Amino acid sequence: MAKKTKKKTARTPGRKPGRKPASAGGNLSKLSTEDLAAELQRREHSIRSLERKRAKLLAQLEEVERELSVSGGLFGAGAGVGGRRRRPRNAASLEDTMHQVLEGNTMGVSELADAVRAAGYVTTSRTFNTIVNQTLIKSPRFKKIAHGRYTTK
């Protein structure tokens, strides 16, 4: 028969053993101002401690995610905390950047997509050519010259 072991209970962070929070099971109006001040100080200390712990854990998590992305692991390039990709911020919209690049030129969709990226537009889209094509079709700022060839109006 297996030996029984006593179950260990985890201690709540920031709290001394056997001490309940001032508000537990009581009315705050019954406490003295000194007791309230002590409770506030205890809670502030606990919050600072938890914030430091959180910062350490986030730094560790970012390091692991960096290692994963380098090795082509779980989330891939551009993944942030929790596996979500972080959307890049560009100085100008895609349409504005396309208009700037295409001004006075005639280009195809793939050519334009490459030129927009070369102009500094950052994207994480796997189907960026399709997005460029849709923007060319929908925007009144561009006109179709020939099959697959566009310029500005």
N, C-alpha and C. Protein backbone atom coordinates (compact mmCIF):
# COMPACT_ATOMS: atom_id res chain seq x y z
N MET A 1 0.85 -1.18 0.00
CA MET A 1 0.00 0.00 0.00
C MET A 1 0.89 1.23 0.00
N ALA A 2 0.49 2.24 -0.80
CA ALA A 2 1.29 3.46 -0.95
C ALA A 2 1.19 4.32 0.30
N LYS A 3 2.30 4.97 0.61
CA LYS A 3 2.35 5.85 1.77
C LYS A 3 1.64 7.16 1.45
N LYS A 4 0.79 7.60 2.37
CA LYS A 4 0.07 8.85 2.17
C LYS A 4 0.97 10.01 2.54
N THR A 5 0.92 11.04 1.70
CA THR A 5 1.69 12.25 2.00
C THR A 5 0.74 13.41 2.23
N LYS A 6 1.18 14.30 3.07
CA LYS A 6 0.35 15.46 3.39
C LYS A 6 0.43 16.43 2.21
N LYS A 7 -0.73 16.92 1.79
CA LYS A 7 -0.80 17.85 0.67
C LYS A 7 -0.27 19.20 1.11
N LYS A 8 0.65 19.74 0.28
CA LYS A 8 1.20 21.06 0.58
C LYS A 8 0.33 22.11 -0.08
N THR A 9 0.08 23.19 0.61
CA THR A 9 -0.70 24.28 0.02
C THR A 9 0.23 25.39 -0.40
N ALA A 10 -0.10 25.99 -1.52
CA ALA A 10 0.73 27.08 -2.04
C ALA A 10 0.44 28.36 -1.28
N ARG A 11 1.49 29.08 -1.00
CA ARG A 11 1.35 30.33 -0.30
C ARG A 11 1.00 31.42 -1.30
N THR A 12 0.07 32.29 -0.95
CA THR A 12 -0.32 33.39 -1.82
C THR A 12 0.81 34.41 -1.85
N PRO A 13 1.25 34.84 -3.06
CA PRO A 13 2.37 35.79 -3.15
C PRO A 13 2.04 37.10 -2.45
N GLY A 14 3.03 37.65 -1.77
CA GLY A 14 2.88 38.95 -1.13
C GLY A 14 2.13 38.93 0.18
N ARG A 15 1.80 37.74 0.69
CA ARG A 15 1.05 37.68 1.94
C ARG A 15 1.81 36.84 2.95
N LYS A 16 1.85 37.30 4.15
CA LYS A 16 2.51 36.53 5.20
C LYS A 16 1.61 35.37 5.59
N PRO A 17 2.20 34.22 5.95
CA PRO A 17 1.39 33.06 6.33
C PRO A 17 0.47 33.38 7.50
N GLY A 18 -0.78 32.93 7.37
CA GLY A 18 -1.74 33.10 8.46
C GLY A 18 -2.36 34.48 8.52
N ARG A 19 -2.01 35.37 7.62
CA ARG A 19 -2.56 36.72 7.66
C ARG A 19 -3.59 36.88 6.55
N LYS A 20 -4.79 37.29 6.93
CA LYS A 20 -5.85 37.52 5.96
C LYS A 20 -5.83 39.00 5.56
N PRO A 21 -6.26 39.30 4.33
CA PRO A 21 -6.37 40.70 3.95
C PRO A 21 -7.38 41.41 4.86
N ALA A 22 -7.20 42.68 5.05
CA ALA A 22 -8.05 43.44 5.97
C ALA A 22 -9.51 43.39 5.58
N SER A 23 -9.79 43.31 4.28
CA SER A 23 -11.18 43.34 3.84
C SER A 23 -11.84 41.97 3.89
N ALA A 24 -11.08 40.90 4.12
CA ALA A 24 -11.64 39.56 4.10
C ALA A 24 -12.54 39.34 5.30
N GLY A 25 -13.81 39.12 5.03
CA GLY A 25 -14.77 38.79 6.06
C GLY A 25 -15.10 39.94 6.99
N GLY A 26 -14.73 41.14 6.68
CA GLY A 26 -15.03 42.26 7.57
C GLY A 26 -15.41 43.50 6.81
N ASN A 27 -15.82 44.49 7.56
CA ASN A 27 -16.24 45.75 6.98
C ASN A 27 -15.08 46.73 7.10
N LEU A 28 -14.74 47.42 6.02
CA LEU A 28 -13.62 48.35 6.04
C LEU A 28 -13.86 49.54 6.98
N SER A 29 -15.12 49.86 7.20
CA SER A 29 -15.42 51.00 8.08
C SER A 29 -15.04 50.72 9.54
N LYS A 30 -14.84 49.46 9.88
CA LYS A 30 -14.46 49.10 11.24
C LYS A 30 -12.96 49.21 11.48
N LEU A 31 -12.18 49.39 10.41
CA LEU A 31 -10.73 49.44 10.54
C LEU A 31 -10.25 50.85 10.85
N SER A 32 -9.15 50.91 11.56
CA SER A 32 -8.55 52.20 11.85
C SER A 32 -7.80 52.69 10.62
N THR A 33 -7.47 53.98 10.58
CA THR A 33 -6.74 54.53 9.44
C THR A 33 -5.35 53.90 9.34
N GLU A 34 -4.75 53.56 10.48
CA GLU A 34 -3.43 52.92 10.46
C GLU A 34 -3.51 51.54 9.79
N ASP A 35 -4.59 50.80 10.13
CA ASP A 35 -4.78 49.48 9.53
C ASP A 35 -5.03 49.59 8.02
N LEU A 36 -5.81 50.59 7.63
CA LEU A 36 -6.07 50.81 6.21
C LEU A 36 -4.79 51.17 5.47
N ALA A 37 -3.99 52.06 6.07
CA ALA A 37 -2.72 52.47 5.46
C ALA A 37 -1.79 51.27 5.33
N ALA A 38 -1.75 50.41 6.35
CA ALA A 38 -0.90 49.22 6.31
C ALA A 38 -1.38 48.27 5.21
N GLU A 39 -2.69 48.12 5.06
CA GLU A 39 -3.25 47.25 4.02
C GLU A 39 -2.93 47.80 2.63
N LEU A 40 -3.05 49.10 2.45
CA LEU A 40 -2.71 49.72 1.16
C LEU A 40 -1.24 49.52 0.83
N GLN A 41 -0.39 49.69 1.82
CA GLN A 41 1.05 49.51 1.62
C GLN A 41 1.36 48.07 1.25
N ARG A 42 0.71 47.13 1.92
CA ARG A 42 0.91 45.71 1.63
C ARG A 42 0.49 45.40 0.20
N ARG A 43 -0.64 45.94 -0.21
CA ARG A 43 -1.13 45.68 -1.57
C ARG A 43 -0.22 46.32 -2.62
N GLU A 44 0.26 47.53 -2.37
CA GLU A 44 1.17 48.19 -3.31
C GLU A 44 2.47 47.39 -3.46
N HIS A 45 2.98 46.89 -2.34
CA HIS A 45 4.19 46.06 -2.37
C HIS A 45 3.93 44.80 -3.20
N SER A 46 2.77 44.19 -3.00
CA SER A 46 2.41 42.99 -3.73
C SER A 46 2.31 43.28 -5.23
N ILE A 47 1.73 44.40 -5.59
CA ILE A 47 1.59 44.78 -6.99
C ILE A 47 2.95 44.99 -7.62
N ARG A 48 3.85 45.71 -6.94
CA ARG A 48 5.19 45.94 -7.47
C ARG A 48 5.92 44.62 -7.68
N SER A 49 5.77 43.72 -6.73
CA SER A 49 6.42 42.42 -6.82
C SER A 49 5.88 41.64 -8.02
N LEU A 50 4.57 41.65 -8.21
CA LEU A 50 3.96 40.94 -9.33
C LEU A 50 4.35 41.57 -10.67
N GLU A 51 4.47 42.90 -10.71
CA GLU A 51 4.87 43.58 -11.95
C GLU A 51 6.31 43.21 -12.33
N ARG A 52 7.19 43.11 -11.33
CA ARG A 52 8.57 42.69 -11.61
C ARG A 52 8.60 41.26 -12.14
N LYS A 53 7.81 40.40 -11.52
CA LYS A 53 7.74 39.00 -11.94
C LYS A 53 7.19 38.90 -13.36
N ARG A 54 6.16 39.70 -13.66
CA ARG A 54 5.56 39.71 -15.00
C ARG A 54 6.59 40.16 -16.04
N ALA A 55 7.35 41.21 -15.75
CA ALA A 55 8.35 41.71 -16.69
C ALA A 55 9.40 40.64 -16.98
N LYS A 56 9.84 39.93 -15.94
CA LYS A 56 10.83 38.86 -16.11
C LYS A 56 10.27 37.75 -17.01
N LEU A 57 9.03 37.36 -16.74
CA LEU A 57 8.42 36.28 -17.52
C LEU A 57 8.20 36.70 -18.98
N LEU A 58 7.81 37.95 -19.22
CA LEU A 58 7.65 38.43 -20.59
C LEU A 58 8.98 38.43 -21.33
N ALA A 59 10.04 38.81 -20.65
CA ALA A 59 11.37 38.81 -21.27
C ALA A 59 11.77 37.38 -21.63
N GLN A 60 11.50 36.43 -20.74
CA GLN A 60 11.81 35.03 -21.01
C GLN A 60 10.98 34.51 -22.19
N LEU A 61 9.70 34.87 -22.22
CA LEU A 61 8.82 34.44 -23.29
C LEU A 61 9.27 35.00 -24.64
N GLU A 62 9.65 36.26 -24.67
CA GLU A 62 10.14 36.86 -25.91
C GLU A 62 11.40 36.16 -26.41
N GLU A 63 12.28 35.80 -25.49
CA GLU A 63 13.51 35.08 -25.86
C GLU A 63 13.17 33.72 -26.47
N VAL A 64 12.24 33.00 -25.87
CA VAL A 64 11.83 31.69 -26.39
C VAL A 64 11.20 31.85 -27.77
N GLU A 65 10.36 32.87 -27.94
CA GLU A 65 9.72 33.09 -29.24
C GLU A 65 10.74 33.47 -30.30
N ARG A 66 11.77 34.24 -29.92
CA ARG A 66 12.85 34.58 -30.85
C ARG A 66 13.56 33.31 -31.31
N GLU A 67 13.85 32.44 -30.36
CA GLU A 67 14.52 31.17 -30.69
C GLU A 67 13.64 30.32 -31.60
N LEU A 68 12.32 30.30 -31.30
CA LEU A 68 11.40 29.53 -32.13
C LEU A 68 11.35 30.07 -33.55
N SER A 69 11.28 31.38 -33.70
CA SER A 69 11.18 31.95 -35.04
C SER A 69 12.47 31.74 -35.83
N VAL A 70 13.62 31.78 -35.14
CA VAL A 70 14.89 31.53 -35.82
C VAL A 70 14.95 30.10 -36.34
N SER A 71 14.43 29.17 -35.56
CA SER A 71 14.48 27.77 -35.97
C SER A 71 13.27 27.38 -36.81
N GLY A 72 12.41 28.36 -37.15
CA GLY A 72 11.24 28.06 -37.99
C GLY A 72 10.19 27.29 -37.25
N GLY A 73 10.12 27.52 -35.96
CA GLY A 73 9.23 26.73 -35.11
C GLY A 73 7.79 27.18 -35.11
N LEU A 74 7.17 27.00 -34.00
CA LEU A 74 5.74 27.09 -33.77
C LEU A 74 5.04 28.27 -34.42
N PHE A 75 5.49 29.50 -34.21
CA PHE A 75 4.73 30.65 -34.66
C PHE A 75 5.25 31.25 -35.95
N GLY A 76 6.50 31.05 -36.27
CA GLY A 76 7.05 31.63 -37.48
C GLY A 76 7.44 33.07 -37.29
N ALA A 77 7.92 33.68 -38.34
CA ALA A 77 8.41 35.06 -38.27
C ALA A 77 7.26 36.02 -38.03
N GLY A 78 7.54 37.06 -37.25
CA GLY A 78 6.55 38.11 -37.00
C GLY A 78 5.57 37.79 -35.91
N ALA A 79 5.69 36.64 -35.28
CA ALA A 79 4.74 36.27 -34.24
C ALA A 79 5.05 37.01 -32.96
N GLY A 80 4.02 37.39 -32.26
CA GLY A 80 4.19 38.07 -31.00
C GLY A 80 3.76 37.18 -29.87
N VAL A 81 3.47 37.74 -28.72
CA VAL A 81 3.04 36.99 -27.56
C VAL A 81 1.73 36.28 -27.88
N GLY A 82 1.66 35.01 -27.58
CA GLY A 82 0.44 34.25 -27.81
C GLY A 82 0.29 33.77 -29.25
N GLY A 83 1.31 33.96 -30.09
CA GLY A 83 1.25 33.46 -31.44
C GLY A 83 0.59 34.42 -32.42
N ARG A 84 0.16 35.57 -31.97
CA ARG A 84 -0.46 36.54 -32.87
C ARG A 84 0.61 37.33 -33.59
N ARG A 85 0.40 37.54 -34.88
CA ARG A 85 1.34 38.37 -35.63
C ARG A 85 1.08 39.82 -35.28
N ARG A 86 2.16 40.56 -35.18
CA ARG A 86 2.02 42.00 -34.94
C ARG A 86 1.97 42.70 -36.28
N ARG A 87 0.96 43.49 -36.48
CA ARG A 87 0.77 44.17 -37.75
C ARG A 87 1.75 45.34 -37.84
N PRO A 88 2.52 45.40 -38.92
CA PRO A 88 3.48 46.49 -39.05
C PRO A 88 2.77 47.82 -39.31
N ARG A 89 3.39 48.90 -38.86
CA ARG A 89 2.85 50.25 -39.09
C ARG A 89 3.70 50.92 -40.15
N ASN A 90 3.03 51.44 -41.16
CA ASN A 90 3.72 52.13 -42.24
C ASN A 90 3.41 53.62 -42.18
N ALA A 91 4.32 54.42 -42.71
CA ALA A 91 4.14 55.88 -42.70
C ALA A 91 2.97 56.28 -43.59
N ALA A 92 2.78 55.60 -44.71
CA ALA A 92 1.70 55.91 -45.64
C ALA A 92 0.88 54.65 -45.90
N SER A 93 -0.37 54.84 -46.35
CA SER A 93 -1.21 53.69 -46.66
C SER A 93 -0.69 52.98 -47.90
N LEU A 94 -1.19 51.78 -48.14
CA LEU A 94 -0.77 51.02 -49.32
C LEU A 94 -1.13 51.79 -50.58
N GLU A 95 -2.33 52.32 -50.64
CA GLU A 95 -2.77 53.05 -51.83
C GLU A 95 -1.89 54.27 -52.10
N ASP A 96 -1.56 55.01 -51.05
CA ASP A 96 -0.69 56.18 -51.21
C ASP A 96 0.70 55.78 -51.69
N THR A 97 1.24 54.72 -51.12
CA THR A 97 2.57 54.25 -51.52
C THR A 97 2.56 53.76 -52.97
N MET A 98 1.50 53.05 -53.35
CA MET A 98 1.38 52.57 -54.72
C MET A 98 1.30 53.75 -55.70
N HIS A 99 0.53 54.77 -55.34
CA HIS A 99 0.38 55.95 -56.19
C HIS A 99 1.72 56.65 -56.37
N GLN A 100 2.46 56.77 -55.30
CA GLN A 100 3.77 57.41 -55.34
C GLN A 100 4.74 56.64 -56.25
N VAL A 101 4.74 55.32 -56.12
CA VAL A 101 5.66 54.48 -56.90
C VAL A 101 5.25 54.45 -58.38
N LEU A 102 3.94 54.43 -58.64
CA LEU A 102 3.43 54.26 -59.99
C LEU A 102 3.36 55.57 -60.78
N GLU A 103 3.49 56.70 -60.11
CA GLU A 103 3.38 58.02 -60.75
C GLU A 103 4.33 58.12 -61.95
N GLY A 104 3.74 58.31 -63.15
CA GLY A 104 4.54 58.46 -64.37
C GLY A 104 5.07 57.15 -64.94
N ASN A 105 4.71 56.03 -64.36
CA ASN A 105 5.19 54.72 -64.82
C ASN A 105 4.01 53.83 -65.17
N THR A 106 4.28 52.78 -65.90
CA THR A 106 3.31 51.73 -66.18
C THR A 106 3.93 50.43 -65.70
N MET A 107 3.20 49.72 -64.83
CA MET A 107 3.75 48.49 -64.26
C MET A 107 2.68 47.41 -64.18
N GLY A 108 3.17 46.18 -64.08
CA GLY A 108 2.30 45.05 -63.81
C GLY A 108 2.14 44.89 -62.30
N VAL A 109 1.26 43.99 -61.90
CA VAL A 109 0.95 43.80 -60.48
C VAL A 109 2.16 43.33 -59.70
N SER A 110 2.85 42.31 -60.17
CA SER A 110 4.01 41.78 -59.45
C SER A 110 5.13 42.80 -59.38
N GLU A 111 5.33 43.49 -60.49
CA GLU A 111 6.35 44.54 -60.56
C GLU A 111 6.06 45.63 -59.53
N LEU A 112 4.78 46.04 -59.49
CA LEU A 112 4.37 47.10 -58.56
C LEU A 112 4.51 46.64 -57.11
N ALA A 113 4.12 45.39 -56.82
CA ALA A 113 4.24 44.87 -55.46
C ALA A 113 5.70 44.89 -55.00
N ASP A 114 6.60 44.48 -55.88
CA ASP A 114 8.03 44.51 -55.54
C ASP A 114 8.53 45.93 -55.34
N ALA A 115 8.07 46.85 -56.19
CA ALA A 115 8.49 48.25 -56.09
C ALA A 115 7.97 48.90 -54.81
N VAL A 116 6.75 48.53 -54.40
CA VAL A 116 6.17 49.07 -53.16
C VAL A 116 6.97 48.59 -51.96
N ARG A 117 7.34 47.31 -51.95
CA ARG A 117 8.17 46.78 -50.86
C ARG A 117 9.55 47.45 -50.85
N ALA A 118 10.11 47.66 -52.05
CA ALA A 118 11.42 48.31 -52.15
C ALA A 118 11.36 49.76 -51.68
N ALA A 119 10.18 50.38 -51.79
CA ALA A 119 9.99 51.76 -51.34
C ALA A 119 9.86 51.85 -49.82
N GLY A 120 9.86 50.70 -49.15
CA GLY A 120 9.83 50.71 -47.68
C GLY A 120 8.52 50.30 -47.06
N TYR A 121 7.53 49.90 -47.86
CA TYR A 121 6.25 49.46 -47.30
C TYR A 121 6.44 48.07 -46.71
N VAL A 122 6.06 47.91 -45.44
CA VAL A 122 6.25 46.64 -44.74
C VAL A 122 4.93 45.88 -44.67
N THR A 123 4.97 44.61 -45.03
CA THR A 123 3.78 43.77 -44.97
C THR A 123 4.17 42.37 -44.50
N THR A 124 3.23 41.71 -43.85
CA THR A 124 3.44 40.31 -43.44
C THR A 124 2.53 39.39 -44.24
N SER A 125 1.82 39.95 -45.22
CA SER A 125 0.86 39.19 -46.01
C SER A 125 1.57 38.19 -46.91
N ARG A 126 1.03 36.99 -46.98
CA ARG A 126 1.55 35.97 -47.89
C ARG A 126 1.00 36.19 -49.30
N THR A 127 -0.10 36.93 -49.38
CA THR A 127 -0.76 37.17 -50.66
C THR A 127 -0.73 38.65 -51.00
N PHE A 128 0.42 39.28 -50.86
CA PHE A 128 0.55 40.72 -51.06
C PHE A 128 0.23 41.11 -52.50
N ASN A 129 0.61 40.30 -53.48
CA ASN A 129 0.30 40.61 -54.88
C ASN A 129 -1.21 40.72 -55.10
N THR A 130 -1.97 39.85 -54.46
CA THR A 130 -3.43 39.87 -54.58
C THR A 130 -3.99 41.16 -53.98
N ILE A 131 -3.44 41.57 -52.86
CA ILE A 131 -3.90 42.80 -52.21
C ILE A 131 -3.59 44.01 -53.08
N VAL A 132 -2.41 44.02 -53.69
CA VAL A 132 -2.03 45.10 -54.61
C VAL A 132 -2.99 45.12 -55.79
N ASN A 133 -3.29 43.95 -56.34
CA ASN A 133 -4.21 43.85 -57.48
C ASN A 133 -5.60 44.38 -57.11
N GLN A 134 -6.11 44.00 -55.95
CA GLN A 134 -7.43 44.47 -55.51
C GLN A 134 -7.44 45.98 -55.34
N THR A 135 -6.35 46.52 -54.80
CA THR A 135 -6.26 47.97 -54.61
C THR A 135 -6.25 48.69 -55.95
N LEU A 136 -5.54 48.14 -56.93
CA LEU A 136 -5.52 48.73 -58.28
C LEU A 136 -6.91 48.74 -58.90
N ILE A 137 -7.65 47.68 -58.72
CA ILE A 137 -8.99 47.56 -59.31
C ILE A 137 -9.99 48.50 -58.64
N LYS A 138 -9.95 48.57 -57.31
CA LYS A 138 -10.95 49.32 -56.55
C LYS A 138 -10.71 50.83 -56.50
N SER A 139 -9.47 51.25 -56.53
CA SER A 139 -9.15 52.66 -56.34
C SER A 139 -9.37 53.47 -57.62
N PRO A 140 -10.00 54.63 -57.50
CA PRO A 140 -10.19 55.49 -58.67
C PRO A 140 -8.89 56.23 -59.06
N ARG A 141 -7.84 56.10 -58.30
CA ARG A 141 -6.58 56.79 -58.57
C ARG A 141 -5.73 56.08 -59.62
N PHE A 142 -6.12 54.86 -60.01
CA PHE A 142 -5.34 54.08 -60.97
C PHE A 142 -6.19 53.74 -62.18
N LYS A 143 -5.53 53.62 -63.34
CA LYS A 143 -6.27 53.18 -64.53
C LYS A 143 -5.51 52.06 -65.22
N LYS A 144 -6.31 51.20 -65.86
CA LYS A 144 -5.76 50.03 -66.55
C LYS A 144 -5.39 50.46 -67.97
N ILE A 145 -4.15 50.21 -68.35
CA ILE A 145 -3.65 50.57 -69.68
C ILE A 145 -3.82 49.39 -70.64
N ALA A 146 -3.42 48.24 -70.21
CA ALA A 146 -3.52 47.01 -71.00
C ALA A 146 -3.74 45.87 -70.02
N HIS A 147 -3.83 44.67 -70.54
CA HIS A 147 -4.04 43.51 -69.68
C HIS A 147 -2.91 43.41 -68.64
N GLY A 148 -3.25 43.61 -67.35
CA GLY A 148 -2.28 43.49 -66.26
C GLY A 148 -1.33 44.67 -66.13
N ARG A 149 -1.55 45.75 -66.83
CA ARG A 149 -0.66 46.92 -66.79
C ARG A 149 -1.46 48.12 -66.29
N TYR A 150 -0.89 48.83 -65.31
CA TYR A 150 -1.60 49.94 -64.69
C TYR A 150 -0.71 51.17 -64.61
N THR A 151 -1.37 52.34 -64.49
CA THR A 151 -0.69 53.61 -64.27
C THR A 151 -1.61 54.49 -63.42
N THR A 152 -1.13 55.68 -63.06
CA THR A 152 -1.95 56.62 -62.28
C THR A 152 -2.82 57.43 -63.23
N LYS A 153 -3.94 57.93 -62.73
CA LYS A 153 -4.82 58.79 -63.54
C LYS A 153 -4.31 60.21 -63.55
